[in-house]
């Protein structure tokens, strides 16, 4: 049964989410056309129960510090504000009010 395969595979991959992610990726890569996907998934879980799929990864290399941006300062750009004069406010500046007064007359 597949549940037995899952429990045996969890001996090497303790996190269920990680097990499902690894199994899905491995099943996609190992699947052969013309065979059932269920058989491929069972084969993947059997392989995971025999060996640790996480331990097969290569160790991380030394981290190299990469400078993304130069550390120089940029010149400051001054922003000149413009004074904009607005027309004076009328008493009834609402355009809808004007149309209502025309319709009521």
N, C-alpha and C. Protein backbone atom coordinates (compact mmCIF):
# COMPACT_ATOMS: atom_id res chain seq x y z
N UNK A 1 0.83 -1.19 0.00
CA UNK A 1 0.00 0.00 0.00
C UNK A 1 0.87 1.24 0.00
N UNK A 2 0.34 2.30 -0.57
CA UNK A 2 1.11 3.52 -0.66
C UNK A 2 1.34 4.14 0.71
N UNK A 3 0.41 4.02 1.65
CA UNK A 3 0.61 4.61 2.97
C UNK A 3 1.83 3.99 3.66
N UNK A 4 2.04 2.69 3.45
CA UNK A 4 3.24 2.06 4.01
C UNK A 4 4.50 2.65 3.39
N UNK A 5 4.45 2.91 2.08
CA UNK A 5 5.60 3.52 1.40
C UNK A 5 5.87 4.93 1.93
N UNK A 6 4.81 5.66 2.19
CA UNK A 6 4.96 7.02 2.70
C UNK A 6 5.59 6.99 4.09
N UNK A 7 5.12 6.09 4.96
CA UNK A 7 5.66 6.03 6.31
C UNK A 7 7.12 5.59 6.31
N UNK A 8 7.48 4.68 5.40
CA UNK A 8 8.89 4.27 5.32
C UNK A 8 9.76 5.40 4.77
N UNK A 9 9.22 6.18 3.84
CA UNK A 9 9.98 7.29 3.27
C UNK A 9 10.15 8.42 4.28
N UNK A 10 9.20 8.54 5.21
CA UNK A 10 9.30 9.61 6.22
C UNK A 10 10.41 9.35 7.22
N UNK A 11 11.00 8.15 7.21
CA UNK A 11 12.15 7.89 8.06
C UNK A 11 13.35 8.72 7.60
N UNK A 12 13.42 9.00 6.30
CA UNK A 12 14.53 9.79 5.76
C UNK A 12 14.17 11.26 5.54
N UNK A 13 12.88 11.57 5.39
CA UNK A 13 12.43 12.94 5.18
C UNK A 13 11.37 13.21 6.24
N UNK A 14 11.72 13.85 7.35
CA UNK A 14 10.78 14.00 8.46
C UNK A 14 9.65 15.00 8.20
N UNK A 15 9.83 15.91 7.29
CA UNK A 15 8.83 16.94 7.02
C UNK A 15 7.90 16.45 5.91
N UNK A 16 6.61 16.35 6.19
CA UNK A 16 5.65 15.82 5.20
C UNK A 16 5.55 16.71 3.96
N UNK A 17 5.56 18.01 4.18
CA UNK A 17 5.49 18.93 3.05
C UNK A 17 6.71 18.75 2.14
N UNK A 18 7.87 18.66 2.73
CA UNK A 18 9.09 18.49 1.94
C UNK A 18 9.08 17.15 1.22
N UNK A 19 8.56 16.11 1.89
CA UNK A 19 8.45 14.80 1.25
C UNK A 19 7.56 14.87 0.02
N UNK A 20 6.40 15.54 0.14
CA UNK A 20 5.50 15.63 -1.01
C UNK A 20 6.12 16.44 -2.14
N UNK A 21 6.83 17.51 -1.80
CA UNK A 21 7.47 18.32 -2.84
C UNK A 21 8.57 17.53 -3.57
N UNK A 22 9.40 16.84 -2.79
CA UNK A 22 10.48 16.06 -3.40
C UNK A 22 9.93 14.90 -4.23
N UNK A 23 8.88 14.25 -3.72
CA UNK A 23 8.30 13.13 -4.44
C UNK A 23 7.67 13.60 -5.75
N UNK A 24 7.01 14.74 -5.74
CA UNK A 24 6.40 15.25 -6.96
C UNK A 24 7.46 15.59 -8.00
N UNK A 25 8.54 16.24 -7.56
CA UNK A 25 9.62 16.58 -8.50
C UNK A 25 10.28 15.33 -9.07
N UNK A 26 10.52 14.36 -8.19
CA UNK A 26 11.18 13.13 -8.65
C UNK A 26 10.27 12.34 -9.59
N UNK A 27 8.98 12.32 -9.29
CA UNK A 27 8.05 11.58 -10.15
C UNK A 27 7.98 12.20 -11.53
N UNK A 28 8.02 13.53 -11.60
CA UNK A 28 8.01 14.18 -12.92
C UNK A 28 9.26 13.85 -13.72
N UNK A 29 10.40 13.78 -13.04
CA UNK A 29 11.65 13.51 -13.76
C UNK A 29 11.80 12.03 -14.13
N UNK A 30 11.30 11.14 -13.29
CA UNK A 30 11.50 9.70 -13.53
C UNK A 30 10.38 9.05 -14.34
N UNK A 31 9.30 9.77 -14.57
CA UNK A 31 8.16 9.16 -15.26
C UNK A 31 8.50 8.86 -16.71
N UNK A 32 8.11 7.66 -17.12
CA UNK A 32 8.32 7.23 -18.51
C UNK A 32 6.97 7.18 -19.21
N UNK A 33 6.88 7.70 -20.41
CA UNK A 33 5.60 7.64 -21.13
C UNK A 33 5.19 6.18 -21.34
N UNK A 34 3.91 5.94 -21.23
CA UNK A 34 3.39 4.58 -21.42
C UNK A 34 3.26 3.81 -20.12
N UNK A 35 3.75 4.35 -19.02
CA UNK A 35 3.58 3.70 -17.72
C UNK A 35 2.62 4.53 -16.88
N UNK A 36 2.05 3.90 -15.88
CA UNK A 36 1.12 4.60 -15.01
C UNK A 36 1.88 5.52 -14.07
N UNK A 37 1.34 6.70 -13.83
CA UNK A 37 1.97 7.66 -12.94
C UNK A 37 1.99 7.13 -11.50
N UNK A 38 0.97 6.33 -11.15
CA UNK A 38 0.92 5.75 -9.81
C UNK A 38 2.11 4.84 -9.55
N UNK A 39 2.49 4.08 -10.56
CA UNK A 39 3.64 3.18 -10.41
C UNK A 39 4.93 3.98 -10.24
N UNK A 40 5.04 5.08 -10.97
CA UNK A 40 6.22 5.94 -10.84
C UNK A 40 6.27 6.54 -9.44
N UNK A 41 5.13 7.00 -8.92
CA UNK A 41 5.09 7.58 -7.58
C UNK A 41 5.47 6.54 -6.53
N UNK A 42 4.99 5.31 -6.69
CA UNK A 42 5.35 4.24 -5.76
C UNK A 42 6.85 3.96 -5.82
N UNK A 43 7.40 3.95 -7.03
CA UNK A 43 8.84 3.71 -7.20
C UNK A 43 9.65 4.81 -6.51
N UNK A 44 9.20 6.06 -6.64
CA UNK A 44 9.89 7.18 -6.00
C UNK A 44 9.88 7.01 -4.48
N UNK A 45 8.72 6.66 -3.92
CA UNK A 45 8.63 6.49 -2.47
C UNK A 45 9.49 5.33 -1.98
N UNK A 46 9.58 4.27 -2.78
CA UNK A 46 10.46 3.15 -2.42
C UNK A 46 11.92 3.60 -2.40
N UNK A 47 12.31 4.40 -3.39
CA UNK A 47 13.68 4.91 -3.43
C UNK A 47 13.96 5.81 -2.23
N UNK A 48 12.98 6.63 -1.85
CA UNK A 48 13.16 7.51 -0.69
C UNK A 48 13.28 6.71 0.60
N UNK A 49 12.62 5.55 0.67
CA UNK A 49 12.71 4.75 1.90
C UNK A 49 14.08 4.07 2.01
N UNK A 50 14.75 3.85 0.87
CA UNK A 50 16.07 3.20 0.88
C UNK A 50 17.20 4.18 1.13
N UNK A 51 17.08 5.40 0.64
CA UNK A 51 18.17 6.37 0.81
C UNK A 51 17.58 7.75 1.07
N UNK A 52 18.38 8.60 1.66
CA UNK A 52 17.94 9.95 2.00
C UNK A 52 18.06 10.85 0.77
N UNK A 53 16.93 11.35 0.23
CA UNK A 53 17.02 12.20 -0.95
C UNK A 53 17.61 13.57 -0.64
N UNK A 54 17.53 14.01 0.60
CA UNK A 54 18.09 15.31 0.97
C UNK A 54 19.60 15.21 1.13
N UNK A 55 20.08 14.09 1.67
CA UNK A 55 21.51 13.91 1.90
C UNK A 55 22.29 13.74 0.62
N UNK A 56 21.60 13.48 -0.48
CA UNK A 56 22.28 13.30 -1.76
C UNK A 56 22.69 14.62 -2.39
N UNK A 57 22.20 15.72 -1.83
CA UNK A 57 22.56 17.04 -2.38
C UNK A 57 24.02 17.35 -2.08
N UNK A 58 24.63 18.11 -2.96
CA UNK A 58 26.02 18.50 -2.76
C UNK A 58 26.07 19.58 -1.68
N UNK A 59 27.13 19.60 -0.88
CA UNK A 59 27.23 20.62 0.16
C UNK A 59 27.33 22.01 -0.45
N UNK A 60 26.87 22.98 0.31
CA UNK A 60 26.91 24.36 -0.18
C UNK A 60 28.34 24.84 -0.31
N UNK A 61 28.59 25.58 -1.33
CA UNK A 61 29.91 26.16 -1.54
C UNK A 61 30.05 27.40 -0.68
N UNK A 62 31.26 27.91 -0.64
CA UNK A 62 31.49 29.14 0.10
C UNK A 62 30.67 30.26 -0.51
N UNK A 63 30.15 31.09 0.35
CA UNK A 63 29.40 32.24 -0.15
C UNK A 63 30.37 33.34 -0.51
N UNK A 64 30.18 33.86 -1.69
CA UNK A 64 31.00 34.97 -2.14
C UNK A 64 30.19 36.24 -1.98
N UNK A 65 30.81 37.24 -1.41
CA UNK A 65 30.14 38.51 -1.25
C UNK A 65 30.26 39.27 -2.56
N UNK A 66 29.11 39.61 -3.11
CA UNK A 66 29.07 40.32 -4.37
C UNK A 66 28.51 41.71 -4.11
N UNK A 67 29.24 42.71 -4.56
CA UNK A 67 28.78 44.07 -4.38
C UNK A 67 27.79 44.38 -5.50
N UNK A 68 26.55 44.66 -5.13
CA UNK A 68 25.52 44.87 -6.12
C UNK A 68 25.52 46.30 -6.65
N UNK A 69 25.77 47.26 -5.77
CA UNK A 69 25.77 48.66 -6.18
C UNK A 69 27.07 49.32 -5.75
N UNK A 70 27.54 50.26 -6.51
CA UNK A 70 28.74 50.97 -6.07
C UNK A 70 28.42 51.79 -4.82
N UNK A 71 29.41 51.95 -3.97
CA UNK A 71 29.19 52.65 -2.72
C UNK A 71 29.35 54.15 -2.83
N UNK A 72 29.52 54.66 -4.02
CA UNK A 72 29.68 56.11 -4.20
C UNK A 72 28.38 56.84 -3.91
N UNK A 73 28.50 58.09 -3.54
CA UNK A 73 27.30 58.89 -3.28
C UNK A 73 26.84 59.53 -4.57
N UNK A 74 25.57 59.68 -4.68
CA UNK A 74 25.00 60.28 -5.87
C UNK A 74 24.77 61.76 -5.61
N UNK A 75 24.87 62.57 -6.66
CA UNK A 75 24.63 64.01 -6.46
C UNK A 75 23.16 64.26 -6.11
N UNK A 76 22.96 65.26 -5.29
CA UNK A 76 21.61 65.61 -4.87
C UNK A 76 21.01 66.52 -5.92
N UNK A 77 19.81 66.21 -6.37
CA UNK A 77 19.12 67.05 -7.34
C UNK A 77 18.09 67.88 -6.58
N UNK A 78 18.23 69.17 -6.70
CA UNK A 78 17.29 70.05 -6.02
C UNK A 78 16.05 70.20 -6.87
N UNK A 79 14.91 70.16 -6.22
CA UNK A 79 13.64 70.31 -6.91
C UNK A 79 13.14 71.73 -6.71
N UNK A 80 12.88 72.41 -7.80
CA UNK A 80 12.36 73.76 -7.71
C UNK A 80 10.84 73.69 -7.79
N UNK A 81 10.20 74.19 -6.77
CA UNK A 81 8.74 74.16 -6.77
C UNK A 81 8.21 75.35 -7.53
N UNK A 82 7.11 75.14 -8.19
CA UNK A 82 6.48 76.19 -8.97
C UNK A 82 5.26 76.67 -8.25
N UNK A 83 5.03 77.95 -8.27
CA UNK A 83 3.83 78.51 -7.67
C UNK A 83 2.77 78.58 -8.76
N UNK A 84 1.65 77.96 -8.49
CA UNK A 84 0.56 77.95 -9.46
C UNK A 84 -0.58 78.78 -8.88
N UNK A 85 -1.04 79.73 -9.66
CA UNK A 85 -2.16 80.55 -9.17
C UNK A 85 -3.46 79.91 -9.64
N UNK A 86 -4.40 79.81 -8.72
CA UNK A 86 -5.70 79.23 -9.01
C UNK A 86 -6.73 80.33 -9.13
N UNK A 87 -7.75 80.12 -9.94
CA UNK A 87 -8.80 81.15 -10.04
C UNK A 87 -9.56 81.24 -8.72
N UNK A 88 -10.14 82.39 -8.43
CA UNK A 88 -10.88 82.52 -7.16
C UNK A 88 -12.09 81.59 -7.13
N UNK A 89 -12.44 81.18 -5.94
CA UNK A 89 -13.54 80.24 -5.76
C UNK A 89 -14.85 81.01 -5.82
N UNK A 90 -15.77 80.48 -6.63
CA UNK A 90 -17.09 81.10 -6.70
C UNK A 90 -17.95 80.59 -5.55
N UNK A 91 -19.04 81.25 -5.35
CA UNK A 91 -19.92 80.85 -4.26
C UNK A 91 -20.43 79.44 -4.45
N UNK A 92 -20.99 79.16 -5.60
CA UNK A 92 -21.53 77.84 -5.92
C UNK A 92 -20.69 77.27 -7.06
N UNK A 93 -19.57 76.69 -6.73
CA UNK A 93 -18.67 76.19 -7.76
C UNK A 93 -18.99 74.76 -8.17
N UNK A 94 -20.03 74.19 -7.64
CA UNK A 94 -20.41 72.82 -7.97
C UNK A 94 -21.13 72.82 -9.31
N UNK A 95 -20.60 72.12 -10.33
CA UNK A 95 -21.26 72.15 -11.64
C UNK A 95 -22.64 71.49 -11.61
N UNK A 96 -22.88 70.56 -10.70
CA UNK A 96 -24.19 69.92 -10.63
C UNK A 96 -25.24 70.90 -10.08
N UNK A 97 -24.82 71.79 -9.22
CA UNK A 97 -25.76 72.75 -8.65
C UNK A 97 -26.31 73.67 -9.73
N UNK A 98 -25.40 74.05 -10.68
CA UNK A 98 -25.80 74.94 -11.76
C UNK A 98 -26.82 74.26 -12.66
N UNK A 99 -26.63 72.96 -12.96
CA UNK A 99 -27.57 72.25 -13.83
C UNK A 99 -28.90 72.06 -13.14
N UNK A 100 -28.92 71.88 -11.83
CA UNK A 100 -30.17 71.71 -11.11
C UNK A 100 -30.96 73.01 -11.10
N UNK A 101 -30.28 74.14 -10.98
CA UNK A 101 -30.97 75.42 -10.96
C UNK A 101 -31.55 75.71 -12.34
N UNK A 102 -30.90 75.30 -13.40
CA UNK A 102 -31.40 75.51 -14.76
C UNK A 102 -32.62 74.63 -15.00
N UNK A 103 -32.60 73.38 -14.51
CA UNK A 103 -33.70 72.47 -14.71
C UNK A 103 -34.94 72.88 -13.92
N UNK A 104 -34.76 73.47 -12.75
CA UNK A 104 -35.89 73.84 -11.93
C UNK A 104 -36.57 75.12 -12.42
N UNK A 105 -35.89 75.90 -13.24
CA UNK A 105 -36.46 77.17 -13.71
C UNK A 105 -37.45 76.99 -14.82
